[in-house]
Protein backbone atom coordinates (compact mmCIF):
# COMPACT_ATOMS: atom_id res chain seq x y z
CA MET A 1 50.23 -72.12 15.57
CA SER A 2 49.43 -68.46 15.79
CA GLN A 3 49.40 -66.13 12.89
CA VAL A 4 50.60 -62.60 13.25
CA LEU A 5 48.72 -60.10 11.20
CA HIS A 6 51.02 -57.50 9.88
CA THR A 7 49.58 -54.18 8.82
CA PRO A 8 51.22 -52.58 5.84
CA PRO A 9 53.74 -49.95 6.72
CA PRO A 10 52.34 -46.45 6.59
CA THR A 11 52.85 -44.81 3.28
CA ARG A 12 53.51 -41.18 2.74
CA SER A 13 50.16 -39.47 2.24
CA GLU A 14 49.65 -37.22 -0.72
CA PRO A 15 49.38 -33.52 0.03
CA HIS A 16 45.80 -32.50 0.77
CA GLU A 17 44.41 -30.54 -2.15
CA ASP A 18 42.39 -27.44 -1.34
CA LEU A 19 38.71 -28.12 -2.04
CA ALA A 20 38.20 -24.77 -3.72
CA ALA A 21 41.14 -25.43 -6.05
CA LEU A 22 39.84 -28.91 -6.77
CA ALA A 23 36.44 -27.55 -7.66
CA ALA A 24 37.96 -24.86 -9.84
CA ARG A 25 40.14 -27.43 -11.62
CA HIS A 26 37.05 -29.43 -12.56
CA GLY A 27 34.95 -26.42 -13.47
CA LEU A 28 32.61 -26.73 -10.46
CA SER A 29 30.98 -23.86 -8.57
CA VAL A 30 28.98 -23.55 -5.38
CA SER A 31 25.27 -23.95 -6.01
CA GLY A 32 23.44 -20.67 -5.37
CA ALA A 33 26.64 -18.70 -4.83
CA ARG A 34 26.46 -14.98 -5.34
CA PRO A 35 27.82 -14.00 -8.78
CA SER A 36 30.01 -10.98 -9.29
CA LEU A 37 28.22 -7.67 -9.67
CA PRO A 38 28.82 -7.38 -13.45
CA ALA A 39 27.69 -10.99 -13.96
CA TYR A 40 24.61 -10.30 -11.83
CA VAL A 41 23.70 -7.30 -13.97
CA ARG A 42 24.08 -9.41 -17.12
CA GLN A 43 21.87 -12.16 -15.66
CA LEU A 44 19.24 -9.58 -14.76
CA TRP A 45 19.31 -8.05 -18.24
CA ALA A 46 19.00 -11.51 -19.81
CA ARG A 47 15.76 -11.98 -17.86
CA ARG A 48 14.25 -8.61 -18.76
CA HIS A 49 11.43 -10.31 -20.68
CA PHE A 50 10.58 -12.38 -17.62
CA ILE A 51 10.50 -9.20 -15.50
CA GLY A 52 8.11 -7.49 -17.91
CA ALA A 53 5.86 -10.52 -18.30
CA PHE A 54 5.76 -11.14 -14.54
CA ALA A 55 4.82 -7.50 -13.85
CA THR A 56 2.05 -7.56 -16.46
CA ALA A 57 0.68 -10.85 -15.17
CA LYS A 58 0.59 -9.55 -11.58
CA LEU A 59 -1.16 -6.38 -12.73
CA THR A 60 -3.76 -8.33 -14.70
CA ALA A 61 -4.44 -10.70 -11.81
CA GLN A 62 -4.62 -7.96 -9.19
CA TYR A 63 -8.30 -7.15 -9.74
CA SER A 64 -9.34 -10.29 -11.59
CA GLN A 65 -11.85 -11.22 -8.86
CA ALA A 66 -13.52 -7.78 -8.77
CA LYS A 67 -16.58 -7.13 -10.91
CA LEU A 68 -15.21 -3.81 -12.13
CA GLY A 69 -11.89 -5.48 -12.93
CA GLN A 70 -9.05 -3.24 -14.09
CA LEU A 71 -11.20 -0.14 -13.61
CA TRP A 72 -10.08 -0.22 -9.98
CA GLN A 73 -6.59 0.74 -11.15
CA VAL A 74 -7.99 4.23 -11.75
CA MET A 75 -10.80 4.30 -9.22
CA THR A 76 -8.63 3.49 -6.18
CA PRO A 77 -6.35 6.57 -6.37
CA LEU A 78 -9.31 8.73 -7.44
CA LEU A 79 -11.32 7.67 -4.37
CA ASN A 80 -8.30 8.35 -2.18
CA ALA A 81 -7.99 11.82 -3.73
CA ALA A 82 -11.70 12.47 -3.08
CA VAL A 83 -11.31 11.54 0.60
CA TYR A 84 -8.22 13.72 0.97
CA PHE A 85 -9.98 16.61 -0.76
CA PHE A 86 -12.87 16.46 1.70
CA ILE A 87 -10.70 16.12 4.81
CA PHE A 88 -7.77 18.36 3.96
CA GLY A 89 -9.15 20.67 1.29
CA VAL A 90 -12.60 21.32 2.76
CA LEU A 91 -12.44 20.60 6.50
CA LEU A 92 -8.85 21.70 7.16
CA GLY A 93 -8.75 24.37 4.46
CA THR A 94 -5.42 23.41 2.88
CA LYS A 95 -6.78 24.42 -0.53
CA GLN A 96 -6.72 28.09 0.46
CA GLY A 97 -4.16 29.94 -1.61
CA VAL A 98 -3.35 26.93 -3.80
CA PRO A 99 -4.36 27.49 -7.46
CA ASP A 100 -5.87 24.51 -9.27
CA TYR A 101 -6.14 22.62 -6.00
CA VAL A 102 -7.92 19.57 -7.44
CA PRO A 103 -5.25 18.94 -10.13
CA PHE A 104 -2.63 19.77 -7.47
CA LEU A 105 -4.09 17.17 -5.10
CA VAL A 106 -4.80 14.43 -7.65
CA THR A 107 -1.29 14.71 -9.11
CA GLY A 108 0.21 14.41 -5.64
CA VAL A 109 -1.95 11.40 -4.76
CA PHE A 110 -1.16 9.54 -7.99
CA VAL A 111 2.59 10.14 -7.79
CA TRP A 112 2.73 9.29 -4.08
CA THR A 113 0.71 6.11 -4.63
CA PHE A 114 3.37 4.98 -7.12
CA THR A 115 6.09 5.26 -4.48
CA GLN A 116 3.98 3.86 -1.66
CA SER A 117 2.77 0.81 -3.58
CA SER A 118 6.23 0.07 -4.98
CA ILE A 119 7.82 0.05 -1.53
CA MET A 120 5.04 -2.00 0.04
CA ALA A 121 5.20 -4.56 -2.77
CA GLY A 122 8.99 -4.61 -2.59
CA THR A 123 8.92 -5.34 1.14
CA ARG A 124 7.09 -8.60 0.43
CA ALA A 125 8.86 -9.35 -2.86
CA VAL A 126 11.03 -12.15 -1.48
CA SER A 127 9.17 -13.23 1.65
CA GLY A 128 5.87 -13.44 -0.23
CA ASN A 129 7.29 -15.46 -3.13
CA LEU A 130 9.39 -18.09 -1.37
CA GLY A 131 7.95 -20.88 -3.51
CA LEU A 132 9.19 -19.18 -6.66
CA VAL A 133 12.53 -18.27 -5.09
CA ARG A 134 13.20 -21.83 -3.95
CA ALA A 135 11.95 -23.52 -7.12
CA LEU A 136 13.75 -21.51 -9.81
CA HIS A 137 17.23 -20.10 -10.24
CA PHE A 138 17.17 -16.46 -11.32
CA PRO A 139 18.57 -13.16 -10.02
CA ARG A 140 16.34 -12.33 -7.07
CA ALA A 141 16.45 -8.61 -7.84
CA ALA A 142 14.04 -9.41 -10.66
CA LEU A 143 11.25 -9.65 -8.07
CA PRO A 144 11.33 -6.16 -6.52
CA ILE A 145 12.07 -4.62 -9.92
CA SER A 146 9.09 -6.39 -11.49
CA PHE A 147 6.81 -5.20 -8.68
CA CYS A 148 7.97 -1.62 -9.27
CA LEU A 149 7.34 -2.07 -12.98
CA GLN A 150 3.85 -3.32 -12.16
CA GLN A 151 3.17 -0.15 -10.15
CA LEU A 152 4.54 1.99 -13.00
CA GLN A 153 2.13 0.31 -15.40
CA GLN A 154 -0.70 1.00 -12.99
CA LEU A 155 0.36 4.64 -12.71
CA LEU A 156 0.24 4.99 -16.48
CA PHE A 157 -3.41 3.90 -16.41
CA SER A 158 -4.06 6.49 -13.70
CA MET A 159 -2.26 9.18 -15.71
CA ALA A 160 -4.91 8.82 -18.41
CA ALA A 161 -7.54 9.78 -15.83
CA LEU A 162 -5.28 12.56 -14.57
CA VAL A 163 -5.10 14.09 -18.04
CA VAL A 164 -8.91 14.16 -18.20
CA ILE A 165 -9.06 15.87 -14.79
CA LEU A 166 -6.49 18.46 -15.84
CA LEU A 167 -8.44 19.29 -18.98
CA CYS A 168 -11.76 19.45 -17.11
CA PHE A 169 -10.30 22.00 -14.67
CA GLY A 170 -8.93 24.18 -17.44
CA VAL A 171 -5.27 23.21 -17.31
CA PRO A 172 -3.95 23.63 -20.88
CA VAL A 173 -1.86 21.10 -22.72
CA SER A 174 1.72 22.34 -23.03
CA ALA A 175 5.16 21.16 -24.04
CA SER A 176 6.13 20.95 -20.37
CA TRP A 177 4.03 17.78 -20.13
CA LEU A 178 6.95 15.99 -21.79
CA LEU A 179 8.93 16.56 -18.59
CA ALA A 180 6.74 13.90 -16.99
CA VAL A 181 8.80 11.24 -18.79
CA PRO A 182 12.18 11.96 -17.12
CA VAL A 183 10.39 12.52 -13.81
CA LEU A 184 8.84 9.05 -14.00
CA LEU A 185 12.17 7.47 -14.98
CA LEU A 186 13.92 9.06 -12.01
CA GLN A 187 11.11 8.14 -9.66
CA PHE A 188 11.05 4.56 -10.93
CA THR A 189 14.79 4.26 -10.30
CA PHE A 190 14.36 5.63 -6.81
CA ASN A 191 11.39 3.37 -6.05
CA ALA A 192 13.20 0.28 -7.34
CA GLY A 193 16.24 1.02 -5.19
CA VAL A 194 14.22 1.51 -2.00
CA SER A 195 12.15 -1.58 -2.85
CA MET A 196 15.30 -3.69 -3.10
CA VAL A 197 16.47 -2.43 0.29
CA MET A 198 13.10 -3.27 1.82
CA ALA A 199 13.01 -6.64 0.02
CA ARG A 200 16.27 -7.67 1.70
CA LEU A 201 15.08 -6.43 5.09
CA GLY A 202 11.66 -8.04 4.63
CA ALA A 203 13.22 -11.36 3.63
CA LYS A 204 15.08 -11.49 6.93
CA THR A 205 12.41 -9.89 9.14
CA PRO A 206 8.89 -10.37 7.70
CA ASP A 207 7.38 -8.27 10.51
CA ILE A 208 8.71 -5.16 8.76
CA ALA A 209 5.81 -5.48 6.33
CA GLN A 210 3.42 -4.82 9.23
CA LEU A 211 5.32 -1.69 10.25
CA MET A 212 5.69 -0.13 6.81
CA PRO A 213 2.12 1.23 6.44
CA PHE A 214 2.69 3.46 9.49
CA VAL A 215 6.07 4.63 8.21
CA LEU A 216 4.70 5.36 4.74
CA ARG A 217 1.65 7.18 6.11
CA THR A 218 3.91 9.47 8.13
CA TRP A 219 6.12 10.03 5.09
CA MET A 220 3.05 10.95 3.02
CA TYR A 221 1.92 13.60 5.51
CA VAL A 222 5.30 15.38 5.41
CA SER A 223 5.65 15.20 1.61
CA GLY A 224 3.11 17.84 0.62
CA VAL A 225 0.68 15.44 -1.02
CA MET A 226 -2.40 17.27 0.27
CA TRP A 227 -0.89 20.65 1.10
CA SER A 228 1.68 23.06 -0.31
CA ILE A 229 5.15 23.00 1.23
CA ASP A 230 5.81 26.31 -0.52
CA LYS A 231 2.91 27.92 1.36
CA LEU A 232 4.31 26.58 4.62
CA ALA A 233 7.63 28.27 3.86
CA GLY A 234 5.90 31.61 3.25
CA ALA A 235 3.48 31.41 6.16
CA HIS A 236 4.11 32.36 9.75
CA HIS A 237 3.74 29.10 11.67
CA GLY A 238 6.55 29.70 14.11
CA LEU A 239 8.58 26.89 12.53
CA PRO A 240 12.37 27.02 12.20
CA SER A 241 13.58 28.33 8.86
CA TRP A 242 15.20 25.01 7.92
CA VAL A 243 11.96 22.99 8.09
CA ALA A 244 10.52 23.92 4.69
CA PRO A 245 13.77 23.33 2.71
CA VAL A 246 14.21 19.93 4.37
CA LEU A 247 10.62 18.96 3.53
CA GLN A 248 11.05 20.16 -0.05
CA ALA A 249 14.23 18.12 -0.49
CA ASN A 250 12.72 14.84 0.69
CA PRO A 251 12.54 12.51 -2.34
CA ALA A 252 8.78 11.96 -2.35
CA ALA A 253 8.14 15.72 -2.33
CA VAL A 254 10.75 16.28 -5.05
CA TYR A 255 9.11 13.88 -7.51
CA ILE A 256 5.59 15.06 -6.65
CA ASP A 257 6.48 18.73 -7.16
CA LEU A 258 8.39 18.01 -10.37
CA MET A 259 5.32 16.24 -11.77
CA ARG A 260 3.13 19.18 -10.72
CA PHE A 261 5.56 21.57 -12.39
CA ALA A 262 5.42 19.49 -15.58
CA LEU A 263 1.62 19.18 -15.76
CA ILE A 264 0.08 22.21 -14.01
CA ASP A 265 0.82 25.63 -15.50
CA SER A 266 -0.03 27.47 -12.26
CA PHE A 267 2.66 25.51 -10.40
CA HIS A 268 5.73 27.54 -11.30
CA ALA A 269 9.47 27.03 -10.92
CA GLY A 270 9.64 29.33 -7.90
CA GLN A 271 7.80 26.70 -5.87
CA LEU A 272 10.56 24.15 -6.45
CA PRO A 273 13.72 23.87 -4.36
CA HIS A 274 16.95 25.12 -5.88
CA HIS A 275 18.77 22.60 -8.13
CA VAL A 276 15.68 20.37 -8.05
CA TRP A 277 16.71 18.24 -11.05
CA LEU A 278 20.10 17.62 -9.46
CA ILE A 279 18.38 16.62 -6.23
CA ALA A 280 16.00 14.31 -8.08
CA THR A 281 18.85 12.66 -9.98
CA GLY A 282 20.93 12.33 -6.81
CA TRP A 283 18.10 10.58 -4.93
CA ALA A 284 17.55 8.24 -7.89
CA LEU A 285 21.23 7.29 -8.14
CA LEU A 286 21.70 6.97 -4.39
CA ALA A 287 18.67 4.73 -3.95
CA GLY A 288 18.94 2.89 -7.26
CA VAL A 289 22.64 2.02 -7.21
CA GLY A 290 22.94 1.73 -3.45
CA GLY A 291 19.79 -0.37 -3.12
CA PHE A 292 20.85 -2.67 -5.93
CA ILE A 293 24.27 -3.34 -4.40
CA TYR A 294 22.76 -3.79 -0.93
CA PHE A 295 20.29 -6.36 -2.29
CA TRP A 296 22.94 -8.15 -4.37
CA LYS A 297 25.21 -8.65 -1.34
CA ALA A 298 22.63 -10.98 0.23
CA GLU A 299 21.71 -12.78 -3.00
CA GLU A 300 22.76 -16.23 -1.80
CA THR A 301 20.69 -16.00 1.40
CA TYR A 302 17.25 -15.48 -0.13
CA GLY A 303 14.90 -18.43 0.29
CA ARG A 304 17.12 -20.23 2.77
CA GLY A 305 16.46 -20.97 6.40
């Protein structure tokens, strides 16, 4: 006697519930999803102590294996300035017609080194710290910002040596030295923004870190670190009239010349481009805000792949 197996009649299926709505109903969120921009800013502010501590730790460890230790924070830019003085000031004669050339040069080297080191460190901020990125949950912008803060701390050590050099070469202390504070704040904002752009690019294409030294070296040569852009504008080199204003308006030159104007009494306002503070603020806002948003848009991709 055969048995017929009857399957139960099909029942009407319940409407399929959207997975996103289901997750929202139970208070679930995607792991590692990019937060909104205001939430991201709040998360970053909440970790400000981590950013400061991480920057200080990196600075302390930077020369921990060297016998002279933290003294290299001052000696490195000073040695660079000595080399540039010999090559450009003595051999190429760029010191001709530039008052207080040694303070002029050292100030340019120190301020440029701040930008150069911040961008180089920012390029490797994500790609060089993948273990930290993959192990801990935190806003990734904390990394390039902390590296810029580390370079700012190093610059402050160098500024102590710069003050000694200024005094030794007869540059008087004046109230204009206080202008160095807003200059450094604007430059830090600019450096942090560019570092975040390079951190995103470097996270996707690590080979960019190998290219950046050549780009930065070219940028240094056109930024008036070792020579006076103002003298180029007044000299007869057969260059188009627009060259000097363009060079003066490039952000590295703007922050270098503003620092020279603040610290060196022989560097007067006539050597600065028109509306220089507006230009400096514009570069800082463009790089700082734009770089931050550009980095935030790829927040959920860092450390993956």
